[in-house]
Amino acid sequence: MKNITKKGALITILFGLCSSQVQAEEHVVKAMVTKYEPAVVFVQPGDTVTWTNMAGHDSVSLPGMIPEGAAAWQSKMGETFTVTLEKEGAYVYKCSPHVSLGMLGAIVVGANPPANLSAIDEASRTTKEPKGMVKRVVKQLKQALAAK
């Protein structure tokens, strides 16, 4: 009887581990000329985001515009790129060649509103990137958060 209980507990633990992995989702952002579609993506911790149609594009997280302690990323130009996001908060990213044309996007992981939203506001005022374009994506982010 004791062995059955241990086996049952082991099966329950394994099932729980498998279920949490099954629940992770993949979200796709498509590069479209000089914009990302969708511009704002909502995901859960552990989900992946994949950028496709990247000929002539990259995806680069912006300093000060990702959660504290989160890993920054920079994809290679022209390559499909995937990142798994574990840390809750908002992430703002750009396409290096087209940032001046407004090719930026945002990802919200977990809670709405994200805890780092005020840090993103502050960073948008001091960024080296085109300020008008960064402020535009922050505005899109806030509108998407309000609509959610």
C-alpha atoms as a PDB file:
ATOM      1  CA  MET A   1       0.000   0.000   0.000  1.00  0.00           C
ATOM      2  CA  LYS A   2       2.851   2.379   0.823  1.00  0.00           C
ATOM      3  CA  ASN A   3       4.459   1.808  -2.616  1.00  0.00           C
ATOM      4  CA  ILE A   4       1.207   2.604  -4.381  1.00  0.00           C
ATOM      5  CA  THR A   5       0.962   5.903  -2.522  1.00  0.00           C
ATOM      6  CA  LYS A   6       4.531   6.827  -3.506  1.00  0.00           C
ATOM      7  CA  LYS A   7       3.849   5.862  -7.129  1.00  0.00           C
ATOM      8  CA  GLY A   8       0.640   7.863  -7.100  1.00  0.00           C
ATOM      9  CA  ALA A   9       2.450  10.885  -5.701  1.00  0.00           C
ATOM     10  CA  LEU A  10       5.187  10.548  -8.319  1.00  0.00           C
ATOM     11  CA  ILE A  11       2.617  10.333 -11.117  1.00  0.00           C
ATOM     12  CA  THR A  12       0.840  13.406  -9.750  1.00  0.00           C
ATOM     13  CA  ILE A  13       4.108  15.378  -9.645  1.00  0.00           C
ATOM     14  CA  LEU A  14       5.083  14.312 -13.161  1.00  0.00           C
ATOM     15  CA  PHE A  15       1.628  15.143 -14.484  1.00  0.00           C
ATOM     16  CA  GLY A  16       1.843  18.585 -12.881  1.00  0.00           C
ATOM     17  CA  LEU A  17       5.239  19.242 -14.455  1.00  0.00           C
ATOM     18  CA  CYS A  18       4.029  18.128 -17.882  1.00  0.00           C
ATOM     19  CA  SER A  19       0.842  20.192 -17.592  1.00  0.00           C
ATOM     20  CA  SER A  20       2.741  23.385 -16.829  1.00  0.00           C
ATOM     21  CA  GLN A  21       4.941  22.830 -19.865  1.00  0.00           C
ATOM     22  CA  VAL A  22       1.913  22.157 -22.056  1.00  0.00           C
ATOM     23  CA  GLN A  23       0.319  25.429 -20.927  1.00  0.00           C
ATOM     24  CA  ALA A  24       3.178  27.580 -22.250  1.00  0.00           C
ATOM     25  CA  GLU A  25       2.146  29.225 -25.501  1.00  0.00           C
ATOM     26  CA  GLU A  26       3.996  30.497 -28.532  1.00  0.00           C
ATOM     27  CA  HIS A  27       3.117  33.960 -29.788  1.00  0.00           C
ATOM     28  CA  VAL A  28       4.135  35.192 -33.230  1.00  0.00           C
ATOM     29  CA  VAL A  29       5.076  38.755 -34.164  1.00  0.00           C
ATOM     30  CA  LYS A  30       5.443  39.362 -37.874  1.00  0.00           C
ATOM     31  CA  ALA A  31       7.691  42.069 -39.320  1.00  0.00           C
ATOM     32  CA  MET A  32       5.635  43.994 -41.897  1.00  0.00           C
ATOM     33  CA  VAL A  33       7.627  46.558 -43.928  1.00  0.00           C
ATOM     34  CA  THR A  34       8.233  49.093 -41.091  1.00  0.00           C
ATOM     35  CA  LYS A  35       6.022  47.788 -38.276  1.00  0.00           C
ATOM     36  CA  TYR A  36       5.559  44.746 -36.099  1.00  0.00           C
ATOM     37  CA  GLU A  37       2.198  42.993 -36.182  1.00  0.00           C
ATOM     38  CA  PRO A  38       0.835  42.913 -33.539  1.00  0.00           C
ATOM     39  CA  ALA A  39       2.517  45.955 -32.005  1.00  0.00           C
ATOM     40  CA  VAL A  40       1.652  44.866 -28.448  1.00  0.00           C
ATOM     41  CA  VAL A  41       1.556  41.225 -27.331  1.00  0.00           C
ATOM     42  CA  PHE A  42       0.214  39.882 -24.022  1.00  0.00           C
ATOM     43  CA  VAL A  43       1.838  36.676 -22.756  1.00  0.00           C
ATOM     44  CA  GLN A  44       2.259  34.686 -19.572  1.00  0.00           C
ATOM     45  CA  PRO A  45       5.555  33.842 -17.847  1.00  0.00           C
ATOM     46  CA  GLY A  46       7.193  30.935 -19.671  1.00  0.00           C
ATOM     47  CA  ASP A  47       5.555  31.728 -23.015  1.00  0.00           C
ATOM     48  CA  THR A  48       7.672  32.259 -26.108  1.00  0.00           C
ATOM     49  CA  VAL A  49       7.559  35.062 -28.633  1.00  0.00           C
ATOM     50  CA  THR A  50       8.814  34.374 -32.163  1.00  0.00           C
ATOM     51  CA  TRP A  51       9.531  37.090 -34.714  1.00  0.00           C
ATOM     52  CA  THR A  52       8.963  36.010 -38.327  1.00  0.00           C
ATOM     53  CA  ASN A  53       9.288  37.569 -41.790  1.00  0.00           C
ATOM     54  CA  MET A  54      12.531  39.179 -40.624  1.00  0.00           C
ATOM     55  CA  ALA A  55      14.269  39.841 -43.970  1.00  0.00           C
ATOM     56  CA  GLY A  56      15.939  43.220 -43.383  1.00  0.00           C
ATOM     57  CA  HIS A  57      14.862  43.341 -39.727  1.00  0.00           C
ATOM     58  CA  ASP A  58      16.051  42.431 -36.241  1.00  0.00           C
ATOM     59  CA  SER A  59      14.554  42.543 -32.745  1.00  0.00           C
ATOM     60  CA  VAL A  60      16.475  44.330 -29.994  1.00  0.00           C
ATOM     61  CA  SER A  61      15.245  44.999 -26.454  1.00  0.00           C
ATOM     62  CA  LEU A  62      15.674  48.603 -25.340  1.00  0.00           C
ATOM     63  CA  PRO A  63      17.837  49.354 -22.291  1.00  0.00           C
ATOM     64  CA  GLY A  64      15.753  50.546 -19.331  1.00  0.00           C
ATOM     65  CA  MET A  65      12.574  49.318 -21.003  1.00  0.00           C
ATOM     66  CA  ILE A  66      12.545  45.721 -19.812  1.00  0.00           C
ATOM     67  CA  PRO A  67      11.926  44.461 -16.266  1.00  0.00           C
ATOM     68  CA  GLU A  68      14.831  44.785 -13.861  1.00  0.00           C
ATOM     69  CA  GLY A  69      16.827  41.552 -13.882  1.00  0.00           C
ATOM     70  CA  ALA A  70      15.350  40.344 -17.181  1.00  0.00           C
ATOM     71  CA  ALA A  71      17.693  39.221 -19.944  1.00  0.00           C
ATOM     72  CA  ALA A  72      18.122  41.643 -22.833  1.00  0.00           C
ATOM     73  CA  TRP A  73      18.115  40.275 -26.387  1.00  0.00           C
ATOM     74  CA  GLN A  74      19.388  41.148 -29.836  1.00  0.00           C
ATOM     75  CA  SER A  75      18.510  38.941 -32.781  1.00  0.00           C
ATOM     76  CA  LYS A  76      20.570  38.591 -35.905  1.00  0.00           C
ATOM     77  CA  MET A  77      19.451  40.579 -38.910  1.00  0.00           C
ATOM     78  CA  GLY A  78      17.095  38.624 -41.170  1.00  0.00           C
ATOM     79  CA  GLU A  79      16.665  35.573 -38.929  1.00  0.00           C
ATOM     80  CA  THR A  80      13.516  34.213 -37.336  1.00  0.00           C
ATOM     81  CA  PHE A  81      14.085  34.700 -33.613  1.00  0.00           C
ATOM     82  CA  THR A  82      12.469  33.257 -30.487  1.00  0.00           C
ATOM     83  CA  VAL A  83      12.725  34.360 -26.871  1.00  0.00           C
ATOM     84  CA  THR A  84      11.151  32.776 -23.788  1.00  0.00           C
ATOM     85  CA  LEU A  85      10.028  35.373 -21.274  1.00  0.00           C
ATOM     86  CA  GLU A  86       9.951  34.361 -17.616  1.00  0.00           C
ATOM     87  CA  LYS A  87      10.066  37.691 -15.775  1.00  0.00           C
ATOM     88  CA  GLU A  88       6.801  39.608 -15.419  1.00  0.00           C
ATOM     89  CA  GLY A  89       6.641  43.154 -16.723  1.00  0.00           C
ATOM     90  CA  ALA A  90       6.658  45.100 -19.965  1.00  0.00           C
ATOM     91  CA  TYR A  91       9.369  44.783 -22.607  1.00  0.00           C
ATOM     92  CA  VAL A  92       9.887  47.374 -25.354  1.00  0.00           C
ATOM     93  CA  TYR A  93      11.924  46.433 -28.422  1.00  0.00           C
ATOM     94  CA  LYS A  94      12.941  47.866 -31.786  1.00  0.00           C
ATOM     95  CA  CYS A  95      14.057  47.000 -35.282  1.00  0.00           C
ATOM     96  CA  SER A  96      17.486  48.678 -35.535  1.00  0.00           C
ATOM     97  CA  PRO A  97      17.287  49.709 -39.210  1.00  0.00           C
ATOM     98  CA  HIS A  98      13.715  50.999 -38.963  1.00  0.00           C
ATOM     99  CA  VAL A  99      13.392  52.465 -35.454  1.00  0.00           C
ATOM    100  CA  SER A 100      13.363  56.009 -36.869  1.00  0.00           C
ATOM    101  CA  LEU A 101      10.330  54.981 -38.933  1.00  0.00           C
ATOM    102  CA  GLY A 102       8.533  53.775 -35.794  1.00  0.00           C
ATOM    103  CA  MET A 103       9.253  50.041 -35.980  1.00  0.00           C
ATOM    104  CA  LEU A 104       9.000  49.258 -32.274  1.00  0.00           C
ATOM    105  CA  GLY A 105       6.865  46.865 -30.292  1.00  0.00           C
ATOM    106  CA  ALA A 106       5.981  45.879 -26.753  1.00  0.00           C
ATOM    107  CA  ILE A 107       5.351  42.667 -24.865  1.00  0.00           C
ATOM    108  CA  VAL A 108       3.503  42.463 -21.556  1.00  0.00           C
ATOM    109  CA  VAL A 109       4.314  39.397 -19.477  1.00  0.00           C
ATOM    110  CA  GLY A 110       1.837  38.601 -16.718  1.00  0.00           C
ATOM    111  CA  ALA A 111       0.231  41.300 -14.612  1.00  0.00           C
ATOM    112  CA  ASN A 112      -1.648  44.284 -15.992  1.00  0.00           C
ATOM    113  CA  PRO A 113      -0.479  46.941 -15.345  1.00  0.00           C
ATOM    114  CA  PRO A 114       3.146  45.826 -15.461  1.00  0.00           C
ATOM    115  CA  ALA A 115       5.237  46.821 -12.438  1.00  0.00           C
ATOM    116  CA  ASN A 116       7.898  48.514 -14.590  1.00  0.00           C
ATOM    117  CA  LEU A 117       5.560  50.860 -16.492  1.00  0.00           C
ATOM    118  CA  SER A 118       6.834  53.982 -14.694  1.00  0.00           C
ATOM    119  CA  ALA A 119      10.439  52.917 -15.410  1.00  0.00           C
ATOM    120  CA  ILE A 120       9.526  52.641 -19.099  1.00  0.00           C
ATOM    121  CA  ASP A 121       7.997  56.144 -18.985  1.00  0.00           C
ATOM    122  CA  GLU A 122      11.209  57.511 -17.476  1.00  0.00           C
ATOM    123  CA  ALA A 123      13.429  55.661 -19.953  1.00  0.00           C
ATOM    124  CA  SER A 124      11.333  56.988 -22.857  1.00  0.00           C
ATOM    125  CA  ARG A 125      12.320  60.533 -21.838  1.00  0.00           C
ATOM    126  CA  THR A 126      16.058  59.767 -21.721  1.00  0.00           C
ATOM    127  CA  THR A 127      16.524  57.193 -24.483  1.00  0.00           C
ATOM    128  CA  LYS A 128      19.089  57.628 -27.256  1.00  0.00           C
ATOM    129  CA  GLU A 129      16.526  56.230 -29.702  1.00  0.00           C
ATOM    130  CA  PRO A 130      14.204  58.608 -31.609  1.00  0.00           C
ATOM    131  CA  LYS A 131      12.143  59.930 -28.678  1.00  0.00           C
ATOM    132  CA  GLY A 132       8.985  60.537 -30.706  1.00  0.00           C
ATOM    133  CA  MET A 133       8.930  56.957 -31.963  1.00  0.00           C
ATOM    134  CA  VAL A 134       9.614  55.500 -28.501  1.00  0.00           C
ATOM    135  CA  LYS A 135       6.889  57.660 -26.960  1.00  0.00           C
ATOM    136  CA  ARG A 136       4.507  56.450 -29.666  1.00  0.00           C
ATOM    137  CA  VAL A 137       5.054  52.776 -28.794  1.00  0.00           C
ATOM    138  CA  VAL A 138       4.706  53.572 -25.074  1.00  0.00           C
ATOM    139  CA  LYS A 139       1.385  55.245 -25.877  1.00  0.00           C
ATOM    140  CA  GLN A 140       0.303  52.145 -27.853  1.00  0.00           C
ATOM    141  CA  LEU A 141       1.333  49.998 -24.883  1.00  0.00           C
ATOM    142  CA  LYS A 142      -0.761  52.070 -22.479  1.00  0.00           C
ATOM    143  CA  GLN A 143      -3.760  52.006 -24.814  1.00  0.00           C
ATOM    144  CA  ALA A 144      -3.509  48.215 -25.125  1.00  0.00           C
ATOM    145  CA  LEU A 145      -3.239  47.881 -21.328  1.00  0.00           C
ATOM    146  CA  ALA A 146      -6.340  50.065 -20.853  1.00  0.00           C
ATOM    147  CA  ALA A 147      -8.286  48.008 -23.401  1.00  0.00           C
ATOM    148  CA  LYS A 148      -7.355  44.678 -21.798  1.00  0.00           C
END
